[in-house]
Amino acid sequence: PPAHAEAVLVQIEELARLNQIIDELLFLSRAEAKAIPFDLKPHDPARFLEIFAQDAQALAEHTGRSFTCRHEGQGRVAFEEKWLRQVLLNVLTNALNVSPVGGAIALTSSLDRGVWRVSVEDEGPGLTPDQRRRIFERFVRFNTPANGDRGSGLGLTISKSIVDLHGGRIFADPATGPQGLKVTFEIPAIGPAPRLAA
């Protein structure tokens, strides 16, 4: 019967969500034990972001927001493309969830003085200093609308683990606009080749 079918669908959705949480917790356990294989290879951040921006723009437009991406600087950075893409998707999803319809998400990237710095800014309500300190803890969620993505509260914790494994750091600041949040991660860039002694 339709009523039973609907109840089964709800249960299937909940089971899928529980499975996702279990997978995420297993990832965090493996990350803490440094048991995740990382294939760090030199990449051009500009090219990496160009590919990511295409998908991000489509996702933003689908949810009624806009997305812009800007990169400055030249050089190469050693990172695992799959995992850093996951970091950006986690941060972008949070930004889309808290930004109002018609709002703008801005990604800025710079490669300068041996550091690759990427920031994602939203136009949501922002967070207090205490909330910004706690945002990367497990199961912590702030300002998620009732009709927004029902995440597990582990996305930013996973992002921190991935950035940590790249030898970098991730943090949150107030956005540069009148309101909103800016999440930034920094990863060491590949330095110039050492000079050989004469």
C-alpha atoms as a PDB file:
ATOM      1  CA  PRO A   1       0.000   0.000   0.000  1.00  0.00           C
ATOM      2  CA  PRO A   2       1.140   3.607  -0.615  1.00  0.00           C
ATOM      3  CA  ALA A   3       1.402   4.351   3.126  1.00  0.00           C
ATOM      4  CA  HIS A   4       3.671   1.351   3.668  1.00  0.00           C
ATOM      5  CA  ALA A   5       5.735   2.184   0.598  1.00  0.00           C
ATOM      6  CA  GLU A   6       6.314   5.707   1.907  1.00  0.00           C
ATOM      7  CA  ALA A   7       7.357   4.377   5.317  1.00  0.00           C
ATOM      8  CA  VAL A   8       9.831   1.999   3.669  1.00  0.00           C
ATOM      9  CA  LEU A   9      11.321   4.824   1.626  1.00  0.00           C
ATOM     10  CA  VAL A  10      11.814   6.895   4.786  1.00  0.00           C
ATOM     11  CA  GLN A  11      13.562   3.960   6.455  1.00  0.00           C
ATOM     12  CA  ILE A  12      15.802   3.421   3.418  1.00  0.00           C
ATOM     13  CA  GLU A  13      16.793   7.103   3.478  1.00  0.00           C
ATOM     14  CA  GLU A  14      17.620   6.896   7.188  1.00  0.00           C
ATOM     15  CA  LEU A  15      19.679   3.735   6.650  1.00  0.00           C
ATOM     16  CA  ALA A  16      21.590   5.435   3.848  1.00  0.00           C
ATOM     17  CA  ARG A  17      22.257   8.403   6.127  1.00  0.00           C
ATOM     18  CA  LEU A  18      23.470   6.123   8.924  1.00  0.00           C
ATOM     19  CA  ASN A  19      25.747   4.302   6.493  1.00  0.00           C
ATOM     20  CA  GLN A  20      27.198   7.644   5.416  1.00  0.00           C
ATOM     21  CA  ILE A  21      27.890   8.618   9.032  1.00  0.00           C
ATOM     22  CA  ILE A  22      29.569   5.254   9.671  1.00  0.00           C
ATOM     23  CA  ASP A  23      31.752   5.694   6.575  1.00  0.00           C
ATOM     24  CA  GLU A  24      32.698   9.206   7.674  1.00  0.00           C
ATOM     25  CA  LEU A  25      33.592   8.065  11.200  1.00  0.00           C
ATOM     26  CA  LEU A  26      35.705   5.246   9.764  1.00  0.00           C
ATOM     27  CA  PHE A  27      37.498   7.777   7.571  1.00  0.00           C
ATOM     28  CA  LEU A  28      38.239   9.968  10.587  1.00  0.00           C
ATOM     29  CA  SER A  29      39.569   7.000  12.551  1.00  0.00           C
ATOM     30  CA  ARG A  30      41.849   6.030   9.681  1.00  0.00           C
ATOM     31  CA  ALA A  31      42.958   9.631   9.218  1.00  0.00           C
ATOM     32  CA  GLU A  32      43.872   9.933  12.905  1.00  0.00           C
ATOM     33  CA  ALA A  33      45.894   6.720  12.577  1.00  0.00           C
ATOM     34  CA  LYS A  34      47.485   8.105   9.377  1.00  0.00           C
ATOM     35  CA  ALA A  35      46.267   4.956   7.624  1.00  0.00           C
ATOM     36  CA  ILE A  36      44.873   6.675   4.532  1.00  0.00           C
ATOM     37  CA  PRO A  37      47.026   6.296   1.416  1.00  0.00           C
ATOM     38  CA  PHE A  38      47.878   9.699  -0.023  1.00  0.00           C
ATOM     39  CA  ASP A  39      49.428  10.107  -3.452  1.00  0.00           C
ATOM     40  CA  LEU A  40      50.804  13.621  -3.202  1.00  0.00           C
ATOM     41  CA  LYS A  41      51.798  14.802  -6.662  1.00  0.00           C
ATOM     42  CA  PRO A  42      52.694  18.287  -7.936  1.00  0.00           C
ATOM     43  CA  HIS A  43      49.684  20.037  -9.469  1.00  0.00           C
ATOM     44  CA  ASP A  44      48.880  23.440 -10.887  1.00  0.00           C
ATOM     45  CA  PRO A  45      46.297  24.928  -8.470  1.00  0.00           C
ATOM     46  CA  ALA A  46      44.895  27.184 -11.182  1.00  0.00           C
ATOM     47  CA  ARG A  47      44.000  24.222 -13.388  1.00  0.00           C
ATOM     48  CA  PHE A  48      42.595  22.248 -10.457  1.00  0.00           C
ATOM     49  CA  LEU A  49      40.328  25.144  -9.431  1.00  0.00           C
ATOM     50  CA  GLU A  50      39.247  25.782 -13.009  1.00  0.00           C
ATOM     51  CA  ILE A  51      37.848  22.244 -13.207  1.00  0.00           C
ATOM     52  CA  PHE A  52      36.271  22.453  -9.746  1.00  0.00           C
ATOM     53  CA  ALA A  53      34.682  25.849 -10.497  1.00  0.00           C
ATOM     54  CA  GLN A  54      32.687  24.413 -13.407  1.00  0.00           C
ATOM     55  CA  ASP A  55      30.935  21.923 -11.131  1.00  0.00           C
ATOM     56  CA  ALA A  56      30.623  24.424  -8.283  1.00  0.00           C
ATOM     57  CA  GLN A  57      28.959  26.993 -10.529  1.00  0.00           C
ATOM     58  CA  ALA A  58      26.422  24.441 -11.766  1.00  0.00           C
ATOM     59  CA  LEU A  59      25.665  23.379  -8.188  1.00  0.00           C
ATOM     60  CA  ALA A  60      25.271  26.986  -7.047  1.00  0.00           C
ATOM     61  CA  GLU A  61      22.945  27.868  -9.923  1.00  0.00           C
ATOM     62  CA  HIS A  62      20.860  24.771  -9.192  1.00  0.00           C
ATOM     63  CA  THR A  63      20.287  26.032  -5.639  1.00  0.00           C
ATOM     64  CA  GLY A  64      19.604  29.642  -6.717  1.00  0.00           C
ATOM     65  CA  ARG A  65      22.980  31.093  -5.677  1.00  0.00           C
ATOM     66  CA  SER A  66      25.932  32.389  -7.647  1.00  0.00           C
ATOM     67  CA  PHE A  67      29.550  31.249  -7.533  1.00  0.00           C
ATOM     68  CA  THR A  68      32.769  33.012  -8.521  1.00  0.00           C
ATOM     69  CA  CYS A  69      36.354  31.778  -8.497  1.00  0.00           C
ATOM     70  CA  ARG A  70      39.574  33.783  -8.699  1.00  0.00           C
ATOM     71  CA  HIS A  71      43.176  32.578  -8.497  1.00  0.00           C
ATOM     72  CA  GLU A  72      46.430  34.539  -8.319  1.00  0.00           C
ATOM     73  CA  GLY A  73      50.019  33.363  -8.434  1.00  0.00           C
ATOM     74  CA  GLN A  74      51.941  30.703 -10.299  1.00  0.00           C
ATOM     75  CA  GLY A  75      53.618  27.541  -9.167  1.00  0.00           C
ATOM     76  CA  ARG A  76      52.879  23.982  -8.165  1.00  0.00           C
ATOM     77  CA  VAL A  77      51.598  22.361  -4.989  1.00  0.00           C
ATOM     78  CA  ALA A  78      51.815  18.714  -3.921  1.00  0.00           C
ATOM     79  CA  PHE A  79      48.335  17.457  -3.062  1.00  0.00           C
ATOM     80  CA  GLU A  80      45.887  14.618  -3.603  1.00  0.00           C
ATOM     81  CA  GLU A  81      43.272  15.901  -6.053  1.00  0.00           C
ATOM     82  CA  LYS A  82      40.461  13.607  -4.880  1.00  0.00           C
ATOM     83  CA  TRP A  83      40.776  14.576  -1.241  1.00  0.00           C
ATOM     84  CA  LEU A  84      41.192  18.325  -1.753  1.00  0.00           C
ATOM     85  CA  ARG A  85      38.179  18.286  -4.035  1.00  0.00           C
ATOM     86  CA  GLN A  86      36.283  16.701  -1.132  1.00  0.00           C
ATOM     87  CA  VAL A  87      37.414  19.540   1.153  1.00  0.00           C
ATOM     88  CA  LEU A  88      36.165  22.154  -1.313  1.00  0.00           C
ATOM     89  CA  LEU A  89      32.843  20.342  -1.804  1.00  0.00           C
ATOM     90  CA  ASN A  90      32.298  20.135   1.962  1.00  0.00           C
ATOM     91  CA  VAL A  91      33.000  23.832   2.447  1.00  0.00           C
ATOM     92  CA  LEU A  92      30.946  24.815  -0.618  1.00  0.00           C
ATOM     93  CA  THR A  93      27.955  22.741   0.517  1.00  0.00           C
ATOM     94  CA  ASN A  94      27.973  24.475   3.900  1.00  0.00           C
ATOM     95  CA  ALA A  95      28.223  27.882   2.227  1.00  0.00           C
ATOM     96  CA  LEU A  96      25.284  27.128  -0.074  1.00  0.00           C
ATOM     97  CA  ASN A  97      23.161  25.877   2.831  1.00  0.00           C
ATOM     98  CA  VAL A  98      23.536  29.047   4.901  1.00  0.00           C
ATOM     99  CA  SER A  99      23.467  31.637   2.089  1.00  0.00           C
ATOM    100  CA  PRO A 100      20.113  33.159   1.125  1.00  0.00           C
ATOM    101  CA  VAL A 101      18.605  32.446  -2.279  1.00  0.00           C
ATOM    102  CA  GLY A 102      20.243  34.907  -4.647  1.00  0.00           C
ATOM    103  CA  GLY A 103      23.322  35.047  -2.433  1.00  0.00           C
ATOM    104  CA  ALA A 104      26.886  34.835  -3.710  1.00  0.00           C
ATOM    105  CA  ILE A 105      29.625  32.345  -2.860  1.00  0.00           C
ATOM    106  CA  ALA A 106      33.157  33.551  -3.611  1.00  0.00           C
ATOM    107  CA  LEU A 107      36.237  31.344  -3.820  1.00  0.00           C
ATOM    108  CA  THR A 108      39.591  33.126  -3.817  1.00  0.00           C
ATOM    109  CA  SER A 109      42.944  31.424  -4.178  1.00  0.00           C
ATOM    110  CA  SER A 110      46.515  32.658  -4.023  1.00  0.00           C
ATOM    111  CA  LEU A 111      49.914  31.045  -4.301  1.00  0.00           C
ATOM    112  CA  ASP A 112      52.471  33.259  -2.649  1.00  0.00           C
ATOM    113  CA  ARG A 113      55.573  32.937  -0.442  1.00  0.00           C
ATOM    114  CA  GLY A 114      55.483  29.171  -0.369  1.00  0.00           C
ATOM    115  CA  VAL A 115      51.850  28.866   0.698  1.00  0.00           C
ATOM    116  CA  TRP A 116      48.718  28.010  -1.270  1.00  0.00           C
ATOM    117  CA  ARG A 117      45.757  29.730   0.396  1.00  0.00           C
ATOM    118  CA  VAL A 118      42.129  29.055  -0.593  1.00  0.00           C
ATOM    119  CA  SER A 119      39.128  30.835   0.952  1.00  0.00           C
ATOM    120  CA  VAL A 120      35.383  30.322   0.460  1.00  0.00           C
ATOM    121  CA  GLU A 121      33.087  33.152   1.568  1.00  0.00           C
ATOM    122  CA  ASP A 122      29.322  32.997   1.938  1.00  0.00           C
ATOM    123  CA  GLU A 123      26.602  35.558   2.677  1.00  0.00           C
ATOM    124  CA  GLY A 124      24.958  33.674   5.523  1.00  0.00           C
ATOM    125  CA  PRO A 125      24.431  34.935   9.074  1.00  0.00           C
ATOM    126  CA  GLY A 126      28.033  34.196  10.069  1.00  0.00           C
ATOM    127  CA  LEU A 127      29.225  32.701  13.346  1.00  0.00           C
ATOM    128  CA  THR A 128      30.315  33.996  16.741  1.00  0.00           C
ATOM    129  CA  PRO A 129      34.013  33.681  17.721  1.00  0.00           C
ATOM    130  CA  ASP A 130      33.190  30.646  19.905  1.00  0.00           C
ATOM    131  CA  GLN A 131      31.247  28.986  17.083  1.00  0.00           C
ATOM    132  CA  ARG A 132      34.129  29.609  14.675  1.00  0.00           C
ATOM    133  CA  ARG A 133      36.482  27.816  17.080  1.00  0.00           C
ATOM    134  CA  ARG A 134      34.120  24.831  17.374  1.00  0.00           C
ATOM    135  CA  ILE A 135      33.079  24.524  13.734  1.00  0.00           C
ATOM    136  CA  PHE A 136      35.616  21.767  12.974  1.00  0.00           C
ATOM    137  CA  GLU A 137      34.544  19.532  15.886  1.00  0.00           C
ATOM    138  CA  ARG A 138      32.569  16.350  15.257  1.00  0.00           C
ATOM    139  CA  PHE A 139      28.775  16.620  14.873  1.00  0.00           C
ATOM    140  CA  VAL A 140      28.803  20.410  15.315  1.00  0.00           C
ATOM    141  CA  ARG A 141      26.306  22.242  13.098  1.00  0.00           C
ATOM    142  CA  PHE A 142      25.274  25.901  13.098  1.00  0.00           C
ATOM    143  CA  ASN A 143      22.694  27.945  11.155  1.00  0.00           C
ATOM    144  CA  THR A 144      21.428  25.026   9.064  1.00  0.00           C
ATOM    145  CA  PRO A 145      17.942  25.895   7.743  1.00  0.00           C
ATOM    146  CA  ALA A 146      15.132  23.382   8.205  1.00  0.00           C
ATOM    147  CA  ASN A 147      14.957  22.771   4.458  1.00  0.00           C
ATOM    148  CA  GLY A 148      18.741  22.657   4.034  1.00  0.00           C
ATOM    149  CA  ASP A 149      21.095  19.744   3.566  1.00  0.00           C
ATOM    150  CA  ARG A 150      20.781  17.219   6.411  1.00  0.00           C
ATOM    151  CA  GLY A 151      24.472  16.693   6.823  1.00  0.00           C
ATOM    152  CA  SER A 152      26.047  14.630   9.557  1.00  0.00           C
ATOM    153  CA  GLY A 153      28.040  17.463  11.100  1.00  0.00           C
ATOM    154  CA  LEU A 154      31.250  15.681  10.100  1.00  0.00           C
ATOM    155  CA  GLY A 155      32.047  17.415   6.812  1.00  0.00           C
ATOM    156  CA  LEU A 156      34.319  20.100   8.232  1.00  0.00           C
ATOM    157  CA  THR A 157      35.914  17.621  10.649  1.00  0.00           C
ATOM    158  CA  ILE A 158      36.831  15.456   7.667  1.00  0.00           C
ATOM    159  CA  SER A 159      38.061  18.528   5.810  1.00  0.00           C
ATOM    160  CA  LYS A 160      40.356  19.386   8.716  1.00  0.00           C
ATOM    161  CA  SER A 161      41.746  15.843   8.757  1.00  0.00           C
ATOM    162  CA  ILE A 162      42.491  15.988   5.026  1.00  0.00           C
ATOM    163  CA  VAL A 163      44.170  19.385   5.272  1.00  0.00           C
ATOM    164  CA  ASP A 164      46.179  18.225   8.294  1.00  0.00           C
ATOM    165  CA  LEU A 165      47.415  15.209   6.306  1.00  0.00           C
ATOM    166  CA  HIS A 166      48.624  17.655   3.640  1.00  0.00           C
ATOM    167  CA  GLY A 167      50.686  19.472   6.281  1.00  0.00           C
ATOM    168  CA  GLY A 168      48.357  22.472   6.239  1.00  0.00           C
ATOM    169  CA  ARG A 169      45.722  24.130   8.403  1.00  0.00           C
ATOM    170  CA  ILE A 170      42.086  25.200   8.058  1.00  0.00           C
ATOM    171  CA  PHE A 171      40.256  27.942   9.967  1.00  0.00           C
ATOM    172  CA  ALA A 172      37.225  30.240   9.864  1.00  0.00           C
ATOM    173  CA  ASP A 173      36.962  34.055   9.988  1.00  0.00           C
ATOM    174  CA  PRO A 174      34.176  36.580   9.496  1.00  0.00           C
ATOM    175  CA  ALA A 175      33.517  37.272   5.813  1.00  0.00           C
ATOM    176  CA  THR A 176      34.823  40.498   4.308  1.00  0.00           C
ATOM    177  CA  GLY A 177      31.255  41.636   3.572  1.00  0.00           C
ATOM    178  CA  PRO A 178      28.642  42.889   6.051  1.00  0.00           C
ATOM    179  CA  GLN A 179      27.884  39.313   7.145  1.00  0.00           C
ATOM    180  CA  GLY A 180      28.857  35.764   6.366  1.00  0.00           C
ATOM    181  CA  LEU A 181      31.684  33.338   7.007  1.00  0.00           C
ATOM    182  CA  LYS A 182      35.052  32.802   5.345  1.00  0.00           C
ATOM    183  CA  VAL A 183      36.607  29.331   5.594  1.00  0.00           C
ATOM    184  CA  THR A 184      40.265  29.190   4.590  1.00  0.00           C
ATOM    185  CA  PHE A 185      42.765  26.403   4.177  1.00  0.00           C
ATOM    186  CA  GLU A 186      46.502  26.776   3.643  1.00  0.00           C
ATOM    187  CA  ILE A 187      48.875  24.150   2.251  1.00  0.00           C
ATOM    188  CA  PRO A 188      52.637  24.472   1.798  1.00  0.00           C
ATOM    189  CA  ALA A 189      53.651  24.942  -1.822  1.00  0.00           C
ATOM    190  CA  ILE A 190      56.554  23.199  -3.488  1.00  0.00           C
ATOM    191  CA  GLY A 191      59.661  25.297  -2.940  1.00  0.00           C
ATOM    192  CA  PRO A 192      62.226  26.044  -5.616  1.00  0.00           C
ATOM    193  CA  ALA A 193      64.731  23.331  -6.391  1.00  0.00           C
ATOM    194  CA  PRO A 194      67.801  23.559  -4.134  1.00  0.00           C
ATOM    195  CA  ARG A 195      70.924  24.951  -5.729  1.00  0.00           C
ATOM    196  CA  LEU A 196      73.825  22.574  -6.126  1.00  0.00           C
ATOM    197  CA  ALA A 197      77.076  23.532  -4.482  1.00  0.00           C
ATOM    198  CA  ALA A 198      79.686  24.785  -6.922  1.00  0.00           C
END
